[in-house]
């Protein structure tokens, strides 16, 4: 059995959400860096690309610069509240996907044991 039939899209979703979490964390870490341009990964685009190719190529094509609501004087485009909200939402979605995969693995394990 391949991973695609066991886990469906959830394996790729977990990888994309993990990469997005890293990008958002980088934005938060650079909130005070002059000239830093905030980035984000369009999850839907990255997931579609990851389903047909590799996760890395899907993420590369789905990474975009964030357009700020209000530009700062030093050219930094990070808006801390926006980044923290996106990070929290992504973390919840990551945990949900991980919980689904853990349940799926538990079901497969019980089936193999004959329970």
PDB file of N, CA and C in Angstrom:
ATOM      1  N   UNK A   1       0.838  -1.183   0.000  1.00  0.00           N
ATOM      2  CA  UNK A   1       0.000   0.000   0.000  1.00  0.00           C
ATOM      3  C   UNK A   1       0.877   1.238   0.000  1.00  0.00           C
ATOM      4  N   UNK A   2       0.554   2.179  -0.824  1.00  0.00           N
ATOM      5  CA  UNK A   2       1.341   3.407  -0.855  1.00  0.00           C
ATOM      6  C   UNK A   2       0.807   4.392   0.183  1.00  0.00           C
ATOM      7  N   UNK A   3       1.628   5.376   0.523  1.00  0.00           N
ATOM      8  CA  UNK A   3       1.211   6.408   1.481  1.00  0.00           C
ATOM      9  C   UNK A   3       0.024   7.200   0.976  1.00  0.00           C
ATOM     10  N   UNK A   4      -0.102   7.354  -0.359  1.00  0.00           N
ATOM     11  CA  UNK A   4      -1.210   8.118  -0.918  1.00  0.00           C
ATOM     12  C   UNK A   4      -2.552   7.491  -0.577  1.00  0.00           C
ATOM     13  N   UNK A   5      -2.634   6.175  -0.629  1.00  0.00           N
ATOM     14  CA  UNK A   5      -3.907   5.537  -0.332  1.00  0.00           C
ATOM     15  C   UNK A   5      -4.150   5.421   1.171  1.00  0.00           C
ATOM     16  N   UNK A   6      -3.078   5.353   1.954  1.00  0.00           N
ATOM     17  CA  UNK A   6      -3.238   5.267   3.402  1.00  0.00           C
ATOM     18  C   UNK A   6      -3.625   6.600   4.025  1.00  0.00           C
ATOM     19  N   UNK A   7      -2.945   7.648   3.617  1.00  0.00           N
ATOM     20  CA  UNK A   7      -3.113   8.941   4.277  1.00  0.00           C
ATOM     21  C   UNK A   7      -3.756  10.001   3.411  1.00  0.00           C
ATOM     22  N   UNK A   8      -3.953   9.723   2.155  1.00  0.00           N
ATOM     23  CA  UNK A   8      -4.568  10.690   1.261  1.00  0.00           C
ATOM     24  C   UNK A   8      -3.741  11.954   1.163  1.00  0.00           C
ATOM     25  N   UNK A   9      -4.404  13.056   1.187  1.00  0.00           N
ATOM     26  CA  UNK A   9      -3.759  14.360   1.030  1.00  0.00           C
ATOM     27  C   UNK A   9      -3.132  14.850   2.341  1.00  0.00           C
ATOM     28  N   UNK A  10      -3.401  14.182   3.430  1.00  0.00           N
ATOM     29  CA  UNK A  10      -2.999  14.682   4.742  1.00  0.00           C
ATOM     30  C   UNK A  10      -1.487  14.703   4.962  1.00  0.00           C
ATOM     31  N   UNK A  11      -0.759  13.789   4.352  1.00  0.00           N
ATOM     32  CA  UNK A  11       0.700  13.811   4.473  1.00  0.00           C
ATOM     33  C   UNK A  11       1.287  15.055   3.836  1.00  0.00           C
ATOM     34  N   UNK A  12       0.830  15.373   2.628  1.00  0.00           N
ATOM     35  CA  UNK A  12       1.291  16.588   1.943  1.00  0.00           C
ATOM     36  C   UNK A  12       0.824  17.830   2.691  1.00  0.00           C
ATOM     37  N   UNK A  13      -0.390  17.806   3.223  1.00  0.00           N
ATOM     38  CA  UNK A  13      -0.920  18.953   3.971  1.00  0.00           C
ATOM     39  C   UNK A  13      -0.074  19.232   5.201  1.00  0.00           C
ATOM     40  N   UNK A  14       0.346  18.179   5.878  1.00  0.00           N
ATOM     41  CA  UNK A  14       1.180  18.349   7.062  1.00  0.00           C
ATOM     42  C   UNK A  14       2.524  18.982   6.698  1.00  0.00           C
ATOM     43  N   UNK A  15       3.105  18.542   5.597  1.00  0.00           N
ATOM     44  CA  UNK A  15       4.388  19.108   5.154  1.00  0.00           C
ATOM     45  C   UNK A  15       4.243  20.577   4.770  1.00  0.00           C
ATOM     46  N   UNK A  16       3.177  20.924   4.060  1.00  0.00           N
ATOM     47  CA  UNK A  16       2.959  22.318   3.651  1.00  0.00           C
ATOM     48  C   UNK A  16       2.700  23.185   4.876  1.00  0.00           C
ATOM     49  N   UNK A  17       1.897  22.712   5.803  1.00  0.00           N
ATOM     50  CA  UNK A  17       1.615  23.496   7.017  1.00  0.00           C
ATOM     51  C   UNK A  17       2.887  23.695   7.847  1.00  0.00           C
ATOM     52  N   UNK A  18       3.741  22.689   7.883  1.00  0.00           N
ATOM     53  CA  UNK A  18       5.005  22.803   8.601  1.00  0.00           C
ATOM     54  C   UNK A  18       5.893  23.880   7.974  1.00  0.00           C
ATOM     55  N   UNK A  19       5.994  23.877   6.661  1.00  0.00           N
ATOM     56  CA  UNK A  19       6.789  24.890   5.973  1.00  0.00           C
ATOM     57  C   UNK A  19       6.193  26.284   6.186  1.00  0.00           C
ATOM     58  N   UNK A  20       4.881  26.385   6.142  1.00  0.00           N
ATOM     59  CA  UNK A  20       4.226  27.679   6.345  1.00  0.00           C
ATOM     60  C   UNK A  20       4.487  28.195   7.756  1.00  0.00           C
ATOM     61  N   UNK A  21       4.497  27.297   8.732  1.00  0.00           N
ATOM     62  CA  UNK A  21       4.767  27.703  10.098  1.00  0.00           C
ATOM     63  C   UNK A  21       6.169  28.308  10.206  1.00  0.00           C
ATOM     64  N   UNK A  22       7.124  27.728   9.497  1.00  0.00           N
ATOM     65  CA  UNK A  22       8.475  28.271   9.489  1.00  0.00           C
ATOM     66  C   UNK A  22       8.546  29.657   8.868  1.00  0.00           C
ATOM     67  N   UNK A  23       7.818  29.869   7.782  1.00  0.00           N
ATOM     68  CA  UNK A  23       7.793  31.176   7.117  1.00  0.00           C
ATOM     69  C   UNK A  23       7.157  32.219   8.034  1.00  0.00           C
ATOM     70  N   UNK A  24       6.054  31.871   8.667  1.00  0.00           N
ATOM     71  CA  UNK A  24       5.383  32.813   9.567  1.00  0.00           C
ATOM     72  C   UNK A  24       6.242  33.122  10.792  1.00  0.00           C
ATOM     73  N   UNK A  25       6.930  32.110  11.325  1.00  0.00           N
ATOM     74  CA  UNK A  25       7.820  32.334  12.461  1.00  0.00           C
ATOM     75  C   UNK A  25       8.968  33.258  12.073  1.00  0.00           C
ATOM     76  N   UNK A  26       9.466  33.104  10.858  1.00  0.00           N
ATOM     77  CA  UNK A  26      10.527  33.983  10.362  1.00  0.00           C
ATOM     78  C   UNK A  26      10.035  35.430  10.265  1.00  0.00           C
ATOM     79  N   UNK A  27       8.799  35.596   9.822  1.00  0.00           N
ATOM     80  CA  UNK A  27       8.218  36.944   9.761  1.00  0.00           C
ATOM     81  C   UNK A  27       8.155  37.573  11.151  1.00  0.00           C
ATOM     82  N   UNK A  28       7.689  36.802  12.119  1.00  0.00           N
ATOM     83  CA  UNK A  28       7.568  37.306  13.488  1.00  0.00           C
ATOM     84  C   UNK A  28       8.948  37.646  14.044  1.00  0.00           C
ATOM     85  N   UNK A  29       9.931  36.801  13.778  1.00  0.00           N
ATOM     86  CA  UNK A  29      11.288  37.032  14.285  1.00  0.00           C
ATOM     87  C   UNK A  29      11.910  38.287  13.672  1.00  0.00           C
ATOM     88  N   UNK A  30      11.497  38.638  12.466  1.00  0.00           N
ATOM     89  CA  UNK A  30      12.069  39.798  11.776  1.00  0.00           C
ATOM     90  C   UNK A  30      11.162  41.020  11.818  1.00  0.00           C
ATOM     91  N   UNK A  31      10.277  41.092  12.787  1.00  0.00           N
ATOM     92  CA  UNK A  31       9.339  42.211  12.879  1.00  0.00           C
ATOM     93  C   UNK A  31      10.040  43.559  13.068  1.00  0.00           C
ATOM     94  N   UNK A  32      11.242  43.546  13.601  1.00  0.00           N
ATOM     95  CA  UNK A  32      11.980  44.798  13.842  1.00  0.00           C
ATOM     96  C   UNK A  32      13.115  45.020  12.852  1.00  0.00           C
ATOM     97  N   UNK A  33      13.269  44.150  11.884  1.00  0.00           N
ATOM     98  CA  UNK A  33      14.364  44.259  10.925  1.00  0.00           C
ATOM     99  C   UNK A  33      14.002  45.254   9.825  1.00  0.00           C
ATOM    100  N   UNK A  34      14.756  46.338   9.711  1.00  0.00           N
ATOM    101  CA  UNK A  34      14.454  47.329   8.663  1.00  0.00           C
ATOM    102  C   UNK A  34      14.528  46.707   7.262  1.00  0.00           C
ATOM    103  N   UNK A  35      13.526  46.982   6.446  1.00  0.00           N
ATOM    104  CA  UNK A  35      13.508  46.520   5.069  1.00  0.00           C
ATOM    105  C   UNK A  35      13.070  45.079   4.877  1.00  0.00           C
ATOM    106  N   UNK A  36      12.746  44.363   5.965  1.00  0.00           N
ATOM    107  CA  UNK A  36      12.330  42.965   5.825  1.00  0.00           C
ATOM    108  C   UNK A  36      10.949  42.908   5.178  1.00  0.00           C
ATOM    109  N   UNK A  37      10.793  42.031   4.215  1.00  0.00           N
ATOM    110  CA  UNK A  37       9.521  41.857   3.514  1.00  0.00           C
ATOM    111  C   UNK A  37       8.860  40.561   3.990  1.00  0.00           C
ATOM    112  N   UNK A  38       7.678  40.690   4.571  1.00  0.00           N
ATOM    113  CA  UNK A  38       6.944  39.530   5.082  1.00  0.00           C
ATOM    114  C   UNK A  38       6.492  38.653   3.931  1.00  0.00           C
ATOM    115  N   UNK A  39       6.582  37.325   4.144  1.00  0.00           N
ATOM    116  CA  UNK A  39       6.156  36.346   3.142  1.00  0.00           C
ATOM    117  C   UNK A  39       5.097  35.438   3.740  1.00  0.00           C
ATOM    118  N   UNK A  40       4.381  34.775   2.877  1.00  0.00           N
ATOM    119  CA  UNK A  40       3.410  33.773   3.305  1.00  0.00           C
ATOM    120  C   UNK A  40       3.285  32.738   2.202  1.00  0.00           C
ATOM    121  N   UNK A  41       2.796  31.588   2.567  1.00  0.00           N
ATOM    122  CA  UNK A  41       2.577  30.506   1.609  1.00  0.00           C
ATOM    123  C   UNK A  41       1.079  30.365   1.412  1.00  0.00           C
ATOM    124  N   UNK A  42       0.645  30.414   0.171  1.00  0.00           N
ATOM    125  CA  UNK A  42      -0.756  30.182  -0.154  1.00  0.00           C
ATOM    126  C   UNK A  42      -0.979  28.673  -0.030  1.00  0.00           C
ATOM    127  N   UNK A  43      -1.651  28.277   1.043  1.00  0.00           N
ATOM    128  CA  UNK A  43      -1.795  26.860   1.360  1.00  0.00           C
ATOM    129  C   UNK A  43      -2.472  26.077   0.239  1.00  0.00           C
ATOM    130  N   UNK A  44      -3.569  26.592  -0.284  1.00  0.00           N
ATOM    131  CA  UNK A  44      -4.316  25.860  -1.321  1.00  0.00           C
ATOM    132  C   UNK A  44      -3.464  25.641  -2.567  1.00  0.00           C
ATOM    133  N   UNK A  45      -2.744  26.666  -2.993  1.00  0.00           N
ATOM    134  CA  UNK A  45      -1.887  26.540  -4.169  1.00  0.00           C
ATOM    135  C   UNK A  45      -0.756  25.558  -3.918  1.00  0.00           C
ATOM    136  N   UNK A  46      -0.120  25.658  -2.752  1.00  0.00           N
ATOM    137  CA  UNK A  46       0.990  24.761  -2.417  1.00  0.00           C
ATOM    138  C   UNK A  46       0.521  23.312  -2.325  1.00  0.00           C
ATOM    139  N   UNK A  47      -0.650  23.102  -1.772  1.00  0.00           N
ATOM    140  CA  UNK A  47      -1.168  21.738  -1.640  1.00  0.00           C
ATOM    141  C   UNK A  47      -1.504  21.142  -3.002  1.00  0.00           C
ATOM    142  N   UNK A  48      -2.118  21.930  -3.868  1.00  0.00           N
ATOM    143  CA  UNK A  48      -2.400  21.435  -5.231  1.00  0.00           C
ATOM    144  C   UNK A  48      -1.115  21.050  -5.954  1.00  0.00           C
ATOM    145  N   UNK A  49      -0.103  21.893  -5.839  1.00  0.00           N
ATOM    146  CA  UNK A  49       1.177  21.602  -6.482  1.00  0.00           C
ATOM    147  C   UNK A  49       1.853  20.396  -5.852  1.00  0.00           C
ATOM    148  N   UNK A  50       1.759  20.273  -4.532  1.00  0.00           N
ATOM    149  CA  UNK A  50       2.387  19.150  -3.841  1.00  0.00           C
ATOM    150  C   UNK A  50       1.731  17.826  -4.202  1.00  0.00           C
ATOM    151  N   UNK A  51       0.438  17.850  -4.495  1.00  0.00           N
ATOM    152  CA  UNK A  51      -0.258  16.620  -4.877  1.00  0.00           C
ATOM    153  C   UNK A  51       0.216  16.102  -6.234  1.00  0.00           C
ATOM    154  N   UNK A  52       0.621  16.999  -7.105  1.00  0.00           N
ATOM    155  CA  UNK A  52       1.041  16.598  -8.446  1.00  0.00           C
ATOM    156  C   UNK A  52       2.556  16.478  -8.579  1.00  0.00           C
ATOM    157  N   UNK A  53       3.299  17.093  -7.677  1.00  0.00           N
ATOM    158  CA  UNK A  53       4.758  17.055  -7.739  1.00  0.00           C
ATOM    159  C   UNK A  53       5.329  16.901  -6.353  1.00  0.00           C
ATOM    160  N   UNK A  54       6.452  17.566  -6.101  1.00  0.00           N
ATOM    161  CA  UNK A  54       7.062  17.500  -4.778  1.00  0.00           C
ATOM    162  C   UNK A  54       6.557  18.643  -3.912  1.00  0.00           C
ATOM    163  N   UNK A  55       6.641  18.447  -2.606  1.00  0.00           N
ATOM    164  CA  UNK A  55       6.193  19.471  -1.664  1.00  0.00           C
ATOM    165  C   UNK A  55       7.039  20.725  -1.819  1.00  0.00           C
ATOM    166  N   UNK A  56       8.357  20.564  -1.991  1.00  0.00           N
ATOM    167  CA  UNK A  56       9.242  21.727  -2.112  1.00  0.00           C
ATOM    168  C   UNK A  56       8.920  22.580  -3.331  1.00  0.00           C
ATOM    169  N   UNK A  57       8.637  21.944  -4.458  1.00  0.00           N
ATOM    170  CA  UNK A  57       8.305  22.726  -5.654  1.00  0.00           C
ATOM    171  C   UNK A  57       6.952  23.415  -5.491  1.00  0.00           C
ATOM    172  N   UNK A  58       6.028  22.775  -4.811  1.00  0.00           N
ATOM    173  CA  UNK A  58       4.724  23.383  -4.555  1.00  0.00           C
ATOM    174  C   UNK A  58       4.834  24.599  -3.671  1.00  0.00           C
ATOM    175  N   UNK A  59       5.695  24.523  -2.659  1.00  0.00           N
ATOM    176  CA  UNK A  59       5.877  25.637  -1.733  1.00  0.00           C
ATOM    177  C   UNK A  59       6.583  26.792  -2.422  1.00  0.00           C
ATOM    178  N   UNK A  60       7.571  26.474  -3.239  1.00  0.00           N
ATOM    179  CA  UNK A  60       8.319  27.531  -3.935  1.00  0.00           C
ATOM    180  C   UNK A  60       7.393  28.364  -4.819  1.00  0.00           C
ATOM    181  N   UNK A  61       6.467  27.719  -5.492  1.00  0.00           N
ATOM    182  CA  UNK A  61       5.550  28.435  -6.374  1.00  0.00           C
ATOM    183  C   UNK A  61       4.427  29.147  -5.649  1.00  0.00           C
ATOM    184  N   UNK A  62       4.196  28.783  -4.380  1.00  0.00           N
ATOM    185  CA  UNK A  62       3.084  29.364  -3.628  1.00  0.00           C
ATOM    186  C   UNK A  62       3.536  30.416  -2.618  1.00  0.00           C
ATOM    187  N   UNK A  63       4.834  30.673  -2.523  1.00  0.00           N
ATOM    188  CA  UNK A  63       5.341  31.671  -1.582  1.00  0.00           C
ATOM    189  C   UNK A  63       5.226  33.056  -2.202  1.00  0.00           C
ATOM    190  N   UNK A  64       4.550  33.922  -1.491  1.00  0.00           N
ATOM    191  CA  UNK A  64       4.297  35.285  -1.973  1.00  0.00           C
ATOM    192  C   UNK A  64       4.676  36.282  -0.885  1.00  0.00           C
ATOM    193  N   UNK A  65       4.969  37.510  -1.304  1.00  0.00           N
ATOM    194  CA  UNK A  65       5.192  38.583  -0.337  1.00  0.00           C
ATOM    195  C   UNK A  65       3.847  39.110   0.125  1.00  0.00           C
ATOM    196  N   UNK A  66       3.765  39.379   1.420  1.00  0.00           N
ATOM    197  CA  UNK A  66       2.528  39.901   1.996  1.00  0.00           C
ATOM    198  C   UNK A  66       2.462  41.412   1.778  1.00  0.00           C
ATOM    199  N   UNK A  67       1.311  41.900   1.384  1.00  0.00           N
ATOM    200  CA  UNK A  67       1.101  43.334   1.196  1.00  0.00           C
ATOM    201  C   UNK A  67       0.553  43.893   2.510  1.00  0.00           C
ATOM    202  N   UNK A  68       1.277  44.836   3.119  1.00  0.00           N
ATOM    203  CA  UNK A  68       0.840  45.337   4.425  1.00  0.00           C
ATOM    204  C   UNK A  68      -0.357  46.271   4.308  1.00  0.00           C
ATOM    205  N   UNK A  69      -1.125  46.338   5.371  1.00  0.00           N
ATOM    206  CA  UNK A  69      -2.236  47.277   5.428  1.00  0.00           C
ATOM    207  C   UNK A  69      -1.720  48.689   5.651  1.00  0.00           C
ATOM    208  N   UNK A  70      -0.613  48.795   6.418  1.00  0.00           N
ATOM    209  CA  UNK A  70      -0.009  50.100   6.671  1.00  0.00           C
ATOM    210  C   UNK A  70       1.506  49.937   6.627  1.00  0.00           C
ATOM    211  N   UNK A  71       2.149  50.654   5.729  1.00  0.00           N
ATOM    212  CA  UNK A  71       3.592  50.564   5.533  1.00  0.00           C
ATOM    213  C   UNK A  71       4.332  51.229   6.696  1.00  0.00           C
ATOM    214  N   UNK A  72       5.436  50.631   7.119  1.00  0.00           N
ATOM    215  CA  UNK A  72       6.235  51.234   8.180  1.00  0.00           C
ATOM    216  C   UNK A  72       7.277  52.174   7.578  1.00  0.00           C
ATOM    217  N   UNK A  73       7.840  53.012   8.406  1.00  0.00           N
ATOM    218  CA  UNK A  73       8.813  54.006   7.946  1.00  0.00           C
ATOM    219  C   UNK A  73      10.114  53.362   7.463  1.00  0.00           C
ATOM    220  N   UNK A  74      10.486  52.218   8.049  1.00  0.00           N
ATOM    221  CA  UNK A  74      11.760  51.581   7.701  1.00  0.00           C
ATOM    222  C   UNK A  74      11.649  50.571   6.562  1.00  0.00           C
ATOM    223  N   UNK A  75      10.465  50.449   5.946  1.00  0.00           N
ATOM    224  CA  UNK A  75      10.282  49.531   4.824  1.00  0.00           C
ATOM    225  C   UNK A  75       9.944  48.110   5.217  1.00  0.00           C
ATOM    226  N   UNK A  76       9.831  47.841   6.504  1.00  0.00           N
ATOM    227  CA  UNK A  76       9.463  46.516   6.984  1.00  0.00           C
ATOM    228  C   UNK A  76       7.958  46.320   6.760  1.00  0.00           C
ATOM    229  N   UNK A  77       7.576  45.180   6.186  1.00  0.00           N
ATOM    230  CA  UNK A  77       6.162  44.934   5.892  1.00  0.00           C
ATOM    231  C   UNK A  77       5.503  43.966   6.877  1.00  0.00           C
ATOM    232  N   UNK A  78       6.198  43.610   7.952  1.00  0.00           N
ATOM    233  CA  UNK A  78       5.632  42.692   8.948  1.00  0.00           C
ATOM    234  C   UNK A  78       4.649  43.447   9.818  1.00  0.00           C
ATOM    235  N   UNK A  79       3.434  42.929   9.887  1.00  0.00           N
ATOM    236  CA  UNK A  79       2.431  43.441  10.823  1.00  0.00           C
ATOM    237  C   UNK A  79       2.230  42.337  11.858  1.00  0.00           C
ATOM    238  N   UNK A  80       2.727  42.576  13.046  1.00  0.00           N
ATOM    239  CA  UNK A  80       2.823  41.547  14.067  1.00  0.00           C
ATOM    240  C   UNK A  80       1.481  40.875  14.366  1.00  0.00           C
ATOM    241  N   UNK A  81       0.417  41.632  14.480  1.00  0.00           N
ATOM    242  CA  UNK A  81      -0.894  41.044  14.780  1.00  0.00           C
ATOM    243  C   UNK A  81      -1.346  40.095  13.660  1.00  0.00           C
ATOM    244  N   UNK A  82      -1.117  40.499  12.422  1.00  0.00           N
ATOM    245  CA  UNK A  82      -1.485  39.662  11.281  1.00  0.00           C
ATOM    246  C   UNK A  82      -0.684  38.362  11.292  1.00  0.00           C
ATOM    247  N   UNK A  83       0.610  38.470  11.548  1.00  0.00           N
ATOM    248  CA  UNK A  83       1.483  37.292  11.548  1.00  0.00           C
ATOM    249  C   UNK A  83       1.127  36.342  12.691  1.00  0.00           C
ATOM    250  N   UNK A  84       0.867  36.897  13.871  1.00  0.00           N
ATOM    251  CA  UNK A  84       0.523  36.057  15.014  1.00  0.00           C
ATOM    252  C   UNK A  84      -0.807  35.335  14.799  1.00  0.00           C
ATOM    253  N   UNK A  85      -1.763  36.014  14.200  1.00  0.00           N
ATOM    254  CA  UNK A  85      -3.050  35.383  13.901  1.00  0.00           C
ATOM    255  C   UNK A  85      -2.887  34.262  12.883  1.00  0.00           C
ATOM    256  N   UNK A  86      -2.133  34.529  11.820  1.00  0.00           N
ATOM    257  CA  UNK A  86      -1.898  33.507  10.796  1.00  0.00           C
ATOM    258  C   UNK A  86      -1.143  32.321  11.387  1.00  0.00           C
ATOM    259  N   UNK A  87      -0.175  32.585  12.269  1.00  0.00           N
ATOM    260  CA  UNK A  87       0.594  31.517  12.898  1.00  0.00           C
ATOM    261  C   UNK A  87      -0.311  30.646  13.768  1.00  0.00           C
ATOM    262  N   UNK A  88      -1.173  31.287  14.573  1.00  0.00           N
ATOM    263  CA  UNK A  88      -2.084  30.537  15.446  1.00  0.00           C
ATOM    264  C   UNK A  88      -3.063  29.691  14.636  1.00  0.00           C
ATOM    265  N   UNK A  89      -3.629  30.264  13.578  1.00  0.00           N
ATOM    266  CA  UNK A  89      -4.555  29.507  12.725  1.00  0.00           C
ATOM    267  C   UNK A  89      -3.855  28.318  12.079  1.00  0.00           C
ATOM    268  N   UNK A  90      -2.636  28.538  11.600  1.00  0.00           N
ATOM    269  CA  UNK A  90      -1.880  27.469  10.971  1.00  0.00           C
ATOM    270  C   UNK A  90      -1.516  26.376  11.981  1.00  0.00           C
ATOM    271  N   UNK A  91      -1.192  26.776  13.208  1.00  0.00           N
ATOM    272  CA  UNK A  91      -0.846  25.811  14.249  1.00  0.00           C
ATOM    273  C   UNK A  91      -2.036  24.916  14.591  1.00  0.00           C
ATOM    274  N   UNK A  92      -3.220  25.504  14.656  1.00  0.00           N
ATOM    275  CA  UNK A  92      -4.430  24.714  14.934  1.00  0.00           C
ATOM    276  C   UNK A  92      -4.700  23.739  13.788  1.00  0.00           C
ATOM    277  N   UNK A  93      -4.569  24.202  12.554  1.00  0.00           N
ATOM    278  CA  UNK A  93      -4.779  23.333  11.396  1.00  0.00           C
ATOM    279  C   UNK A  93      -3.726  22.232  11.346  1.00  0.00           C
ATOM    280  N   UNK A  94      -2.486  22.542  11.701  1.00  0.00           N
ATOM    281  CA  UNK A  94      -1.408  21.552  11.745  1.00  0.00           C
ATOM    282  C   UNK A  94      -1.743  20.468  12.761  1.00  0.00           C
ATOM    283  N   UNK A  95      -2.166  20.893  13.950  1.00  0.00           N
ATOM    284  CA  UNK A  95      -2.508  19.942  15.008  1.00  0.00           C
ATOM    285  C   UNK A  95      -3.700  19.069  14.608  1.00  0.00           C
ATOM    286  N   UNK A  96      -4.667  19.649  13.928  1.00  0.00           N
ATOM    287  CA  UNK A  96      -5.830  18.890  13.463  1.00  0.00           C
ATOM    288  C   UNK A  96      -5.418  17.823  12.457  1.00  0.00           C
ATOM    289  N   UNK A  97      -4.570  18.193  11.520  1.00  0.00           N
ATOM    290  CA  UNK A  97      -4.085  17.236  10.524  1.00  0.00           C
ATOM    291  C   UNK A  97      -3.281  16.136  11.195  1.00  0.00           C
ATOM    292  N   UNK A  98      -2.440  16.506  12.151  1.00  0.00           N
ATOM    293  CA  UNK A  98      -1.638  15.527  12.880  1.00  0.00           C
ATOM    294  C   UNK A  98      -2.534  14.567  13.671  1.00  0.00           C
ATOM    295  N   UNK A  99      -3.577  15.089  14.284  1.00  0.00           N
ATOM    296  CA  UNK A  99      -4.514  14.239  15.031  1.00  0.00           C
ATOM    297  C   UNK A  99      -5.217  13.249  14.102  1.00  0.00           C
ATOM    298  N   UNK A 100      -5.618  13.712  12.920  1.00  0.00           N
ATOM    299  CA  UNK A 100      -6.242  12.819  11.956  1.00  0.00           C
ATOM    300  C   UNK A 100      -5.278  11.697  11.568  1.00  0.00           C
ATOM    301  N   UNK A 101      -4.036  12.056  11.290  1.00  0.00           N
ATOM    302  CA  UNK A 101      -3.058  11.041  10.894  1.00  0.00           C
ATOM    303  C   UNK A 101      -2.789  10.054  12.023  1.00  0.00           C
ATOM    304  N   UNK A 102      -2.707  10.548  13.265  1.00  0.00           N
ATOM    305  CA  UNK A 102      -2.525   9.648  14.411  1.00  0.00           C
ATOM    306  C   UNK A 102      -3.696   8.686  14.544  1.00  0.00           C
ATOM    307  N   UNK A 103      -4.911   9.176  14.343  1.00  0.00           N
ATOM    308  CA  UNK A 103      -6.086   8.306  14.387  1.00  0.00           C
ATOM    309  C   UNK A 103      -6.060   7.265  13.284  1.00  0.00           C
ATOM    310  N   UNK A 104      -5.649   7.682  12.102  1.00  0.00           N
ATOM    311  CA  UNK A 104      -5.557   6.762  10.963  1.00  0.00           C
ATOM    312  C   UNK A 104      -4.525   5.671  11.230  1.00  0.00           C
ATOM    313  N   UNK A 105      -3.380   6.060  11.778  1.00  0.00           N
ATOM    314  CA  UNK A 105      -2.333   5.080  12.105  1.00  0.00           C
ATOM    315  C   UNK A 105      -2.815   4.129  13.192  1.00  0.00           C
ATOM    316  N   UNK A 106      -3.530   4.662  14.176  1.00  0.00           N
ATOM    317  CA  UNK A 106      -4.095   3.799  15.222  1.00  0.00           C
ATOM    318  C   UNK A 106      -5.080   2.798  14.667  1.00  0.00           C
ATOM    319  N   UNK A 107      -5.908   3.240  13.736  1.00  0.00           N
ATOM    320  CA  UNK A 107      -6.880   2.337  13.110  1.00  0.00           C
ATOM    321  C   UNK A 107      -6.172   1.229  12.330  1.00  0.00           C
ATOM    322  N   UNK A 108      -5.155   1.596  11.599  1.00  0.00           N
ATOM    323  CA  UNK A 108      -4.392   0.602  10.822  1.00  0.00           C
ATOM    324  C   UNK A 108      -3.695  -0.375  11.749  1.00  0.00           C
ATOM    325  N   UNK A 109      -3.125   0.135  12.827  1.00  0.00           N
ATOM    326  CA  UNK A 109      -2.434  -0.726  13.808  1.00  0.00           C
ATOM    327  C   UNK A 109      -3.410  -1.724  14.422  1.00  0.00           C
ATOM    328  N   UNK A 110      -4.596  -1.244  14.808  1.00  0.00           N
ATOM    329  CA  UNK A 110      -5.593  -2.158  15.403  1.00  0.00           C
ATOM    330  C   UNK A 110      -6.040  -3.188  14.371  1.00  0.00           C
ATOM    331  N   UNK A 111      -6.188  -2.796  13.128  1.00  0.00           N
ATOM    332  CA  UNK A 111      -6.589  -3.733  12.070  1.00  0.00           C
ATOM    333  C   UNK A 111      -5.529  -4.805  11.871  1.00  0.00           C
ATOM    334  N   UNK A 112      -4.269  -4.409  11.899  1.00  0.00           N
ATOM    335  CA  UNK A 112      -3.190  -5.378  11.735  1.00  0.00           C
ATOM    336  C   UNK A 112      -3.086  -6.352  12.901  1.00  0.00           C
ATOM    337  N   UNK A 113      -3.435  -5.849  14.100  1.00  0.00           N
ATOM    338  CA  UNK A 113      -3.414  -6.706  15.290  1.00  0.00           C
ATOM    339  C   UNK A 113      -4.660  -7.594  15.361  1.00  0.00           C
ATOM    340  N   UNK A 114      -5.671  -7.291  14.563  1.00  0.00           N
ATOM    341  CA  UNK A 114      -6.899  -8.062  14.560  1.00  0.00           C
ATOM    342  C   UNK A 114      -7.847  -7.704  15.681  1.00  0.00           C
ATOM    343  N   UNK A 115      -7.758  -6.496  16.165  1.00  0.00           N
ATOM    344  CA  UNK A 115      -8.650  -6.052  17.260  1.00  0.00           C
ATOM    345  C   UNK A 115      -9.983  -5.614  16.731  1.00  0.00           C
TER     346      UNK A 115
END
